[in-house]
Structure formats: structure tokens, C-alpha cells
Amino acid sequence: MRELFALDPDLVFLNHGSFGACPQPVRTAQRAWQDEMERNPVEFLGRRSAALLRAAREQLAAFIGARADDLVFVPNATTGVNIVAHSLPLGPGDEVLGTTLEYGACDAAWQFACARSGAHYRRMPVALPLDDQAFVDGMLAALSPRTRLVFISHVASTTALVLPVAALVEAAHARGLPVLVDGAHAPGQLDLDLDALGADYYTGNGHKWLCGPKGSGFLHARPEHHEGLHANVISWGYLDGGGGHSGFDAYLGDSRFERRLQWQGTRDISGFLALPAAIDFHHAHLTPEVRNACHRLAVELMDELADHFGLRPLSSPMHFAQMATVPIPACDPEALRARLFDAHRIEVPVTQHEGRCFVRVSVQGYNRRAELEALSHTLRQVFANG
């Protein structure tokens, strides 16, 4: 599968989780949409874009188990979190409950939104190794009468842990609380059925494990929340009289949800329109068998090096998918990352959690066992030689 990607053949690329990698058929589809747009940008963006985006949303909806009417395209999951954070009515003393496993950029979004309204963003410490029931019980115990929303990652970025979101959504709803799920790493890595999950808001990326173009993500919201969501950029969809350009109202869409969030000014929508090509690629090449094989390679490396270094993994293999955090001895994370790349041409992030160091390895269908063996050999040498 490696030849379908434009990755440097001399690079050991074990960091699909950061920005993904887009295969040739998907890049071709995106370029075709860009070429078509440039044939008549006015017609494409002003009169055709809403219908084209609708068709792409319908295919994405089928892939993630949702209704197209409950989806809008956004550049990335962080944008989706920001839309909810800036839309949620918070007052002094209100709380948003997250965990210490959340993505730093989304922590920043909640800290900003809460500080502006006098609310508080609380992060519950998570005991590791992860125990699903203990995690849910801990979140419930951390709720207060002032909690207004529960925020959780589906797959935690730094630790790669797959969190029990379904159980948490059910438990939070039983308390009458809405839930926002940051699913940045989930589409394409985990099977999704958003309607069955029932989260009030779910945001994800298409450019990571789905292998879509960079800047292609989505926000899913249950119908009862559509009216309360506001775009980060206020544009034509907020005017009751229409788009303001004769003949161009078609780009805004039909529902208030769509009209507010779809049009953010002029931008390249080709990445969104190419997501169906990414879904086709996923079905053809990234089958459950391939993803399961990737999972096995990731956790085998985790267990092997944990045993070699005499360190405890963060959790059991069941809590990882195609990413795993490999425990390593104490180190300077950035210095080790640079050394692996500069001296050994290995692209992999080195992370920290609760004072411990890890290499977060991502295994995609284009990776070979020899690449993980190269990382293992290099890490053994680095820590043996100092």
C-alpha cells in the first residue's frame, strides 16, 4: 500500500496520528474538484456548492452512522470544539467537566470560553491503567450542581487511549447533562455509529485515519441543539433576507444549522468534496482486517519495549486501536524526537503524561513490521548508549 502514498521512501513514518497522510486517489479527486471550481468559480461556489456539499455529507453520514441533516463540514475537530465552546450558554460559577487526557488545543478553547463567562473548566484526573467502569464512576463523582456539559475525547491524543464514551454518554444523559465528544482520531480508526452513540455533539477529522485531505472535518449535533450553535465566523447565513448576492443564496443551504455554519466566507471546499473518495479508499484498502493487523503491531511493540525497559504500559491492549503509547525511560522528549528524526529518519512523537515518557506510535496500512522493528532497535540503542 505504501506506493499509494507520497511519503518519502527513506522515512520511517510512524506518526499518522498527527496529520494523517493522504493517498494518491484522494489527492487526485481533490485536484479534480479544484480544477472544476476554477472553470467557473462563481457558478461552483455561488450556485452549486450547497448541493455538492450536501452530497458529500450524505456519504460521510452513511460512513459514521448519522443523518446528513445533523452534520456540517468544519476544517478540523478543534474548530468543532470551538463552535460548541463559544455557543454554550455559560454563566459565573458554571462548570464544564473534562479530563486530564484531553487535547491541549481544546483545553485552551474551554479555558478561554469559561474565563470569558466567569465559568470554570475542571479536568478530572484519570487513574491508569484505565478501567472503564472506574472511569465513568469517577466522572459521575466529579459532577456538581453547576456542571453544564461533559467533554471527553474518544481517542486521547497524548496517551492514545480509547475512552468509554458510550457508557459515559449514557450515564451523563441519565443526569440530564449534554456531552461533547472530541473524536479527532476516531473516524477511520474506530467504527462509528453516531446516532446509536447519542452524544449531543461529536466532532471528528477526515484528514487523520480516514486519509482525507488536510482541513476536512465535521461537527455532528443532535437536532435539539441545532438552533443553539453559532459559527466562529458570522457571515451571510445570519441574515434573514438571504445571502445578499443576487442568485447566490444557494450556497447557504436550507436549515438554520446549515446556513449558519456552512458558509464562512470564500474558502476551498475541495477537501470536503473529496471525503467520499477517502471513504472509498478506506473501504477498499483499510479493511477491518488491515486495521486489526495494525493494532496488533502497535500493541506488540508497546508490550515488547515495556518488558525490555521494565516499565508498565499505560493500559491493556484493549484500550488502544492503531495508536499505542510505548513506555520509555525518562528523557527530554523534544531532544529524543529530534534525534530519532535527524539521525535515524524516524518520524514519531515523544510525549509525556504524569511525569512519564512515551513514544506514541501510529500504525497505518502502509506501515511494515520492519519499520516498527527499526524503531525498537533504535530506542534500545539510544537508551543503552545514553
Protein backbone atom coordinates (compact mmCIF):
# COMPACT_ATOMS: atom_id res chain seq x y z
CA MET A 1 0.00 0.00 0.00
CA ARG A 2 2.99 2.33 0.51
CA GLU A 3 3.17 3.20 -3.19
CA LEU A 4 -0.31 4.74 -2.99
CA PHE A 5 1.05 7.44 -0.66
CA ALA A 6 3.55 10.21 -1.41
CA LEU A 7 5.58 9.54 1.76
CA ASP A 8 9.36 9.83 1.49
CA PRO A 9 10.58 6.28 0.83
CA ASP A 10 13.61 6.89 3.07
CA LEU A 11 11.41 7.90 6.02
CA VAL A 12 10.15 5.57 8.74
CA PHE A 13 6.78 7.28 9.17
CA LEU A 14 5.09 6.17 12.38
CA ASN A 15 3.15 9.37 13.05
CA HIS A 16 -0.02 9.04 11.00
CA GLY A 17 -1.92 10.25 14.06
CA SER A 18 -0.71 13.85 13.90
CA PHE A 19 -1.74 15.00 10.42
CA GLY A 20 -2.54 11.76 8.60
CA ALA A 21 -1.30 11.01 5.10
CA CYS A 22 -3.43 11.37 2.00
CA PRO A 23 -3.27 8.65 -0.69
CA GLN A 24 -2.96 9.34 -4.40
CA PRO A 25 -6.60 8.54 -5.38
CA VAL A 26 -7.88 11.04 -2.82
CA ARG A 27 -5.41 13.72 -3.87
CA THR A 28 -6.47 13.16 -7.47
CA ALA A 29 -10.12 13.58 -6.51
CA GLN A 30 -9.38 16.81 -4.66
CA ARG A 31 -7.42 18.24 -7.58
CA ALA A 32 -10.29 17.37 -9.93
CA TRP A 33 -12.68 19.35 -7.72
CA GLN A 34 -10.24 22.27 -7.64
CA ASP A 35 -9.94 22.21 -11.42
CA GLU A 36 -13.70 22.15 -11.77
CA MET A 37 -14.06 25.06 -9.36
CA GLU A 38 -11.62 27.18 -11.36
CA ARG A 39 -13.54 26.65 -14.60
CA ASN A 40 -16.22 28.96 -13.20
CA PRO A 41 -15.66 29.86 -9.52
CA VAL A 42 -18.86 31.92 -9.38
CA GLU A 43 -21.07 29.07 -10.52
CA PHE A 44 -19.21 26.46 -8.47
CA LEU A 45 -19.20 28.36 -5.16
CA GLY A 46 -22.21 30.60 -5.61
CA ARG A 47 -24.72 28.25 -7.20
CA ARG A 48 -23.52 24.64 -6.90
CA SER A 49 -21.63 24.35 -3.62
CA ALA A 50 -24.59 23.68 -1.32
CA ALA A 51 -25.78 20.72 -3.40
CA LEU A 52 -22.23 19.38 -3.77
CA LEU A 53 -21.58 19.67 -0.05
CA ARG A 54 -24.92 18.02 0.68
CA ALA A 55 -23.99 15.02 -1.48
CA ALA A 56 -20.63 14.70 0.28
CA ARG A 57 -22.29 14.98 3.70
CA GLU A 58 -24.70 12.20 2.80
CA GLN A 59 -21.82 9.85 2.01
CA LEU A 60 -19.98 10.84 5.18
CA ALA A 61 -23.18 10.41 7.19
CA ALA A 62 -23.58 6.85 5.93
CA PHE A 63 -19.98 6.11 6.94
CA ILE A 64 -20.29 7.40 10.50
CA GLY A 65 -23.89 6.33 11.23
CA ALA A 66 -25.57 9.71 11.18
CA ARG A 67 -28.08 11.85 9.29
CA ALA A 68 -26.70 14.33 6.80
CA ASP A 69 -29.03 16.98 8.28
CA ASP A 70 -27.14 16.72 11.58
CA LEU A 71 -23.69 17.28 10.01
CA VAL A 72 -21.74 20.29 8.88
CA PHE A 73 -18.21 20.37 7.49
CA VAL A 74 -15.52 22.15 9.51
CA PRO A 75 -11.75 22.31 8.91
CA ASN A 76 -10.89 20.12 11.91
CA ALA A 77 -12.11 18.79 15.23
CA THR A 78 -10.63 21.73 17.14
CA THR A 79 -12.92 24.03 15.14
CA GLY A 80 -15.89 21.85 16.10
CA VAL A 81 -14.97 22.06 19.79
CA ASN A 82 -14.65 25.84 19.50
CA ILE A 83 -18.09 26.15 17.91
CA VAL A 84 -19.67 24.35 20.86
CA ALA A 85 -17.50 26.16 23.42
CA HIS A 86 -18.44 29.59 22.09
CA SER A 87 -22.12 28.65 21.69
CA LEU A 88 -22.77 27.04 25.08
CA PRO A 89 -24.54 29.49 27.40
CA LEU A 90 -22.32 29.66 30.48
CA GLY A 91 -22.60 31.95 33.45
CA PRO A 92 -20.49 32.78 36.51
CA GLY A 93 -19.84 29.68 38.57
CA ASP A 94 -20.93 27.23 35.86
CA GLU A 95 -18.61 24.33 35.09
CA VAL A 96 -17.52 22.27 32.09
CA LEU A 97 -16.09 18.90 33.11
CA GLY A 98 -13.26 17.30 31.14
CA THR A 99 -10.32 15.06 32.00
CA THR A 100 -6.55 15.34 32.23
CA LEU A 101 -6.35 13.32 28.99
CA GLU A 102 -7.78 15.98 26.67
CA TYR A 103 -6.02 17.60 23.71
CA GLY A 104 -4.20 20.80 24.69
CA ALA A 105 -5.74 22.99 21.98
CA CYS A 106 -9.22 22.01 23.13
CA ASP A 107 -8.27 22.62 26.75
CA ALA A 108 -7.29 26.12 25.63
CA ALA A 109 -10.66 26.61 23.90
CA TRP A 110 -12.56 25.71 27.06
CA GLN A 111 -10.29 27.75 29.30
CA PHE A 112 -10.89 30.80 27.10
CA ALA A 113 -14.64 30.31 26.84
CA CYS A 114 -15.02 29.72 30.57
CA ALA A 115 -12.80 32.62 31.58
CA ARG A 116 -14.82 34.97 29.39
CA SER A 117 -18.10 33.99 31.09
CA GLY A 118 -16.84 33.51 34.64
CA ALA A 119 -17.30 29.72 34.41
CA HIS A 120 -14.76 27.04 35.30
CA TYR A 121 -13.17 24.28 33.22
CA ARG A 122 -12.44 21.34 35.50
CA ARG A 123 -10.28 18.39 34.44
CA MET A 124 -10.74 15.14 36.31
CA PRO A 125 -7.54 13.14 36.90
CA VAL A 126 -7.78 9.68 35.32
CA ALA A 127 -6.32 6.69 37.16
CA LEU A 128 -4.25 4.42 34.95
CA PRO A 129 -4.24 1.61 33.87
CA LEU A 130 -7.65 2.55 32.54
CA ASP A 131 -10.68 0.79 33.96
CA ASP A 132 -13.83 1.67 32.01
CA GLN A 133 -16.31 1.46 34.87
CA ALA A 134 -14.00 3.26 37.28
CA PHE A 135 -13.54 5.99 34.67
CA VAL A 136 -17.28 6.53 34.27
CA ASP A 137 -17.83 6.37 38.02
CA GLY A 138 -15.08 8.93 38.54
CA MET A 139 -16.62 11.32 36.02
CA LEU A 140 -20.02 11.00 37.69
CA ALA A 141 -18.49 11.63 41.10
CA ALA A 142 -16.81 14.76 39.74
CA LEU A 143 -20.10 16.29 38.57
CA SER A 144 -21.52 19.18 40.53
CA PRO A 145 -24.85 21.05 40.50
CA ARG A 146 -23.09 23.68 38.36
CA THR A 147 -21.89 21.26 35.65
CA ARG A 148 -23.32 22.30 32.29
CA LEU A 149 -21.50 19.95 29.89
CA VAL A 150 -19.24 16.90 29.90
CA PHE A 151 -16.32 16.98 27.47
CA ILE A 152 -14.36 13.84 26.53
CA SER A 153 -12.02 12.56 23.84
CA HIS A 154 -12.96 9.38 22.02
CA VAL A 155 -9.27 8.60 21.47
CA ALA A 156 -7.00 10.66 23.70
CA SER A 157 -4.26 12.37 21.72
CA THR A 158 -1.23 12.20 24.03
CA THR A 159 -1.92 8.77 25.50
CA ALA A 160 -3.74 7.13 22.52
CA LEU A 161 -6.25 5.61 24.96
CA VAL A 162 -9.71 4.71 23.61
CA LEU A 163 -12.10 6.02 26.25
CA PRO A 164 -15.52 4.51 27.11
CA VAL A 165 -17.57 7.27 25.52
CA ALA A 166 -20.78 5.26 25.04
CA ALA A 167 -21.03 4.41 28.73
CA LEU A 168 -20.22 7.99 29.71
CA VAL A 169 -22.82 9.46 27.35
CA GLU A 170 -25.49 7.16 28.77
CA ALA A 171 -24.52 8.00 32.35
CA ALA A 172 -24.36 11.75 31.72
CA HIS A 173 -27.73 11.75 29.97
CA ALA A 174 -29.23 9.95 32.96
CA ARG A 175 -28.12 13.01 34.97
CA GLY A 176 -29.61 15.36 32.38
CA LEU A 177 -26.22 16.60 31.12
CA PRO A 178 -25.13 17.05 27.49
CA VAL A 179 -21.87 15.55 26.20
CA LEU A 180 -19.39 16.80 23.62
CA VAL A 181 -17.05 14.13 22.20
CA ASP A 182 -13.76 15.15 20.61
CA GLY A 183 -13.44 12.40 18.02
CA ALA A 184 -10.37 13.78 16.25
CA HIS A 185 -8.69 10.37 15.97
CA ALA A 186 -11.79 8.19 15.65
CA PRO A 187 -13.13 8.31 12.04
CA GLY A 188 -11.35 5.62 10.06
CA GLN A 189 -9.67 4.13 13.14
CA LEU A 190 -12.83 3.11 15.01
CA ASP A 191 -16.20 2.00 13.68
CA LEU A 192 -18.69 4.78 14.37
CA ASP A 193 -22.46 4.90 14.76
CA LEU A 194 -23.14 8.42 15.98
CA ASP A 195 -26.90 8.03 16.09
CA ALA A 196 -26.54 5.00 18.35
CA LEU A 197 -23.89 6.72 20.47
CA GLY A 198 -26.28 9.59 21.12
CA ALA A 199 -23.70 12.22 22.09
CA ASP A 200 -25.14 15.72 21.91
CA TYR A 201 -22.15 16.92 19.91
CA TYR A 202 -19.45 14.91 18.16
CA THR A 203 -16.63 16.41 16.13
CA GLY A 204 -14.05 14.50 14.09
CA ASN A 205 -11.34 14.74 11.46
CA GLY A 206 -11.33 13.30 7.98
CA HIS A 207 -7.65 14.01 7.41
CA LYS A 208 -6.27 11.63 10.04
CA TRP A 209 -7.26 7.95 9.98
CA LEU A 210 -9.78 8.33 7.18
CA CYS A 211 -6.89 9.58 4.99
CA GLY A 212 -8.84 12.54 3.61
CA PRO A 213 -7.35 15.88 2.55
CA LYS A 214 -5.91 18.20 5.19
CA GLY A 215 -8.52 20.52 6.67
CA SER A 216 -11.51 18.21 6.25
CA GLY A 217 -13.52 17.60 9.41
CA PHE A 218 -17.09 17.61 10.64
CA LEU A 219 -19.34 18.60 13.51
CA HIS A 220 -22.34 16.44 14.34
CA ALA A 221 -25.11 17.78 16.57
CA ARG A 222 -28.38 16.28 17.68
CA PRO A 223 -31.38 18.16 16.21
CA GLU A 224 -32.43 19.73 19.51
CA HIS A 225 -29.09 21.58 19.64
CA HIS A 226 -29.03 22.99 16.09
CA GLU A 227 -30.65 26.30 16.99
CA GLY A 228 -28.15 26.98 19.75
CA LEU A 229 -24.97 26.60 17.70
CA HIS A 230 -23.19 29.61 16.25
CA ALA A 231 -20.34 29.81 13.76
CA ASN A 232 -16.99 31.21 14.82
CA VAL A 233 -17.22 33.42 11.72
CA ILE A 234 -20.54 35.28 11.39
CA SER A 235 -21.46 35.53 7.73
CA TRP A 236 -24.39 35.64 5.28
CA GLY A 237 -26.30 32.79 6.89
CA TYR A 238 -27.23 35.04 9.81
CA LEU A 239 -29.20 37.48 7.62
CA ASP A 240 -32.90 36.72 7.38
CA GLY A 241 -33.09 38.32 3.97
CA GLY A 242 -30.73 35.84 2.32
CA GLY A 243 -27.21 35.86 1.08
CA GLY A 244 -27.04 39.41 -0.13
CA HIS A 245 -25.73 38.48 -3.57
CA SER A 246 -28.29 38.04 -6.31
CA GLY A 247 -28.51 34.39 -7.34
CA PHE A 248 -26.04 33.21 -4.71
CA ASP A 249 -28.36 32.17 -1.89
CA ALA A 250 -27.92 28.53 -2.93
CA TYR A 251 -24.53 28.31 -1.26
CA LEU A 252 -26.04 28.86 2.18
CA GLY A 253 -28.12 25.68 2.40
CA ASP A 254 -31.62 25.19 3.74
CA SER A 255 -31.76 24.70 7.52
CA ARG A 256 -30.70 27.32 10.04
CA PHE A 257 -28.00 24.88 11.24
CA GLU A 258 -26.60 24.61 7.73
CA ARG A 259 -26.97 28.30 6.88
CA ARG A 260 -25.14 29.47 9.98
CA LEU A 261 -22.26 27.02 9.90
CA GLN A 262 -21.66 26.14 6.25
CA TRP A 263 -20.59 29.41 4.66
CA GLN A 264 -17.61 31.06 6.40
CA GLY A 265 -16.63 33.28 3.51
CA THR A 266 -14.67 32.21 0.44
CA ARG A 267 -12.62 29.05 1.02
CA ASP A 268 -11.53 25.95 -0.82
CA ILE A 269 -14.20 23.28 -0.24
CA SER A 270 -12.44 20.65 -2.38
CA GLY A 271 -11.20 18.79 0.71
CA PHE A 272 -14.76 18.26 1.90
CA LEU A 273 -15.87 17.16 -1.55
CA ALA A 274 -13.00 14.64 -1.73
CA LEU A 275 -14.01 12.89 1.51
CA PRO A 276 -16.21 10.42 -0.41
CA ALA A 277 -13.07 9.36 -2.31
CA ALA A 278 -11.35 8.85 1.04
CA ILE A 279 -14.27 6.73 2.22
CA ASP A 280 -14.00 4.63 -0.96
CA PHE A 281 -10.25 4.23 -0.36
CA HIS A 282 -10.92 3.23 3.23
CA HIS A 283 -13.38 0.52 2.19
CA ALA A 284 -11.01 -0.80 -0.48
CA HIS A 285 -7.70 -0.72 1.38
CA LEU A 286 -8.18 -0.10 5.11
CA THR A 287 -10.47 -3.01 5.86
CA PRO A 288 -11.16 -4.30 9.38
CA GLU A 289 -8.53 -6.99 8.78
CA VAL A 290 -5.92 -4.36 7.92
CA ARG A 291 -6.83 -2.19 10.90
CA ASN A 292 -6.72 -5.18 13.25
CA ALA A 293 -3.27 -6.09 11.93
CA CYS A 294 -2.14 -2.50 12.57
CA HIS A 295 -3.48 -2.70 16.12
CA ARG A 296 -1.57 -5.91 16.76
CA LEU A 297 1.70 -4.41 15.52
CA ALA A 298 1.25 -1.34 17.73
CA VAL A 299 0.49 -3.20 20.95
CA GLU A 300 3.15 -5.85 20.29
CA LEU A 301 5.75 -3.08 20.13
CA MET A 302 4.30 -1.50 23.28
CA ASP A 303 4.45 -4.75 25.23
CA GLU A 304 7.88 -5.68 23.89
CA LEU A 305 9.56 -2.42 24.87
CA ALA A 306 7.68 -2.16 28.16
CA ASP A 307 9.13 -5.55 29.06
CA HIS A 308 12.59 -4.60 27.78
CA PHE A 309 12.73 -1.38 29.80
CA GLY A 310 10.93 -2.87 32.82
CA LEU A 311 8.12 -0.31 32.59
CA ARG A 312 4.37 -0.62 32.94
CA PRO A 313 2.19 0.18 29.90
CA LEU A 314 -0.43 2.87 30.38
CA SER A 315 -3.20 0.32 29.92
CA SER A 316 -4.13 -3.03 28.42
CA PRO A 317 -4.18 -3.62 24.64
CA MET A 318 -8.00 -3.38 24.61
CA HIS A 319 -7.72 0.36 25.27
CA PHE A 320 -5.69 1.04 22.13
CA ALA A 321 -6.52 0.91 18.43
CA GLN A 322 -3.94 1.72 15.74
CA MET A 323 -2.02 4.02 18.07
CA ALA A 324 -0.24 2.94 21.22
CA THR A 325 1.94 4.69 23.78
CA VAL A 326 5.24 2.85 24.20
CA PRO A 327 6.75 3.46 27.66
CA ILE A 328 10.40 4.55 27.64
CA PRO A 329 12.84 5.69 30.33
CA ALA A 330 12.88 9.31 31.46
CA CYS A 331 14.19 11.63 28.76
CA ASP A 332 13.97 15.06 27.17
CA PRO A 333 11.02 14.40 24.81
CA GLU A 334 11.88 17.01 22.20
CA ALA A 335 15.57 16.06 22.18
CA LEU A 336 14.69 12.39 21.66
CA ARG A 337 12.17 13.19 18.92
CA ALA A 338 14.76 15.30 17.10
CA ARG A 339 17.42 12.60 17.49
CA LEU A 340 15.15 9.91 16.10
CA PHE A 341 14.35 12.08 13.09
CA ASP A 342 17.70 13.71 12.43
CA ALA A 343 19.93 10.69 13.00
CA HIS A 344 17.64 7.81 12.10
CA ARG A 345 14.93 9.27 9.82
CA ILE A 346 12.17 8.03 12.13
CA GLU A 347 9.14 10.32 12.39
CA VAL A 348 7.36 9.61 15.66
CA PRO A 349 6.19 11.83 18.55
CA VAL A 350 7.62 11.57 22.05
CA THR A 351 5.05 12.51 24.67
CA GLN A 352 4.74 12.86 28.44
CA HIS A 353 1.91 12.05 30.82
CA GLU A 354 2.05 12.38 34.59
CA GLY A 355 5.84 12.64 34.53
CA ARG A 356 6.37 9.54 32.40
CA CYS A 357 7.76 9.48 28.85
CA PHE A 358 6.29 7.61 25.90
CA VAL A 359 6.72 7.19 22.19
CA ARG A 360 3.28 7.38 20.60
CA VAL A 361 3.43 5.02 17.66
CA SER A 362 0.82 5.10 14.88
CA VAL A 363 0.45 2.13 12.56
CA GLN A 364 -1.43 2.63 9.31
CA GLY A 365 -1.98 0.15 6.50
CA TYR A 366 1.11 1.37 4.63
CA ASN A 367 3.43 0.56 7.55
CA ARG A 368 5.55 -2.59 7.61
CA ARG A 369 6.71 -4.64 10.57
CA ALA A 370 10.31 -3.76 9.67
CA GLU A 371 9.59 -0.10 10.45
CA LEU A 372 8.46 -0.90 13.97
CA GLU A 373 11.49 -3.16 14.38
CA ALA A 374 13.69 -0.25 13.31
CA LEU A 375 12.12 1.97 15.97
CA SER A 376 12.52 -0.74 18.59
CA HIS A 377 16.17 -1.32 17.71
CA THR A 378 16.92 2.40 17.73
CA LEU A 379 15.27 3.04 21.09
CA ARG A 380 17.16 0.14 22.66
CA GLN A 381 20.43 1.58 21.34
CA VAL A 382 19.67 5.13 22.38
CA PHE A 383 18.95 4.22 26.00
CA ALA A 384 21.73 1.66 26.18
CA ASN A 385 24.35 4.13 24.97
CA GLY A 386 22.94 7.25 26.62
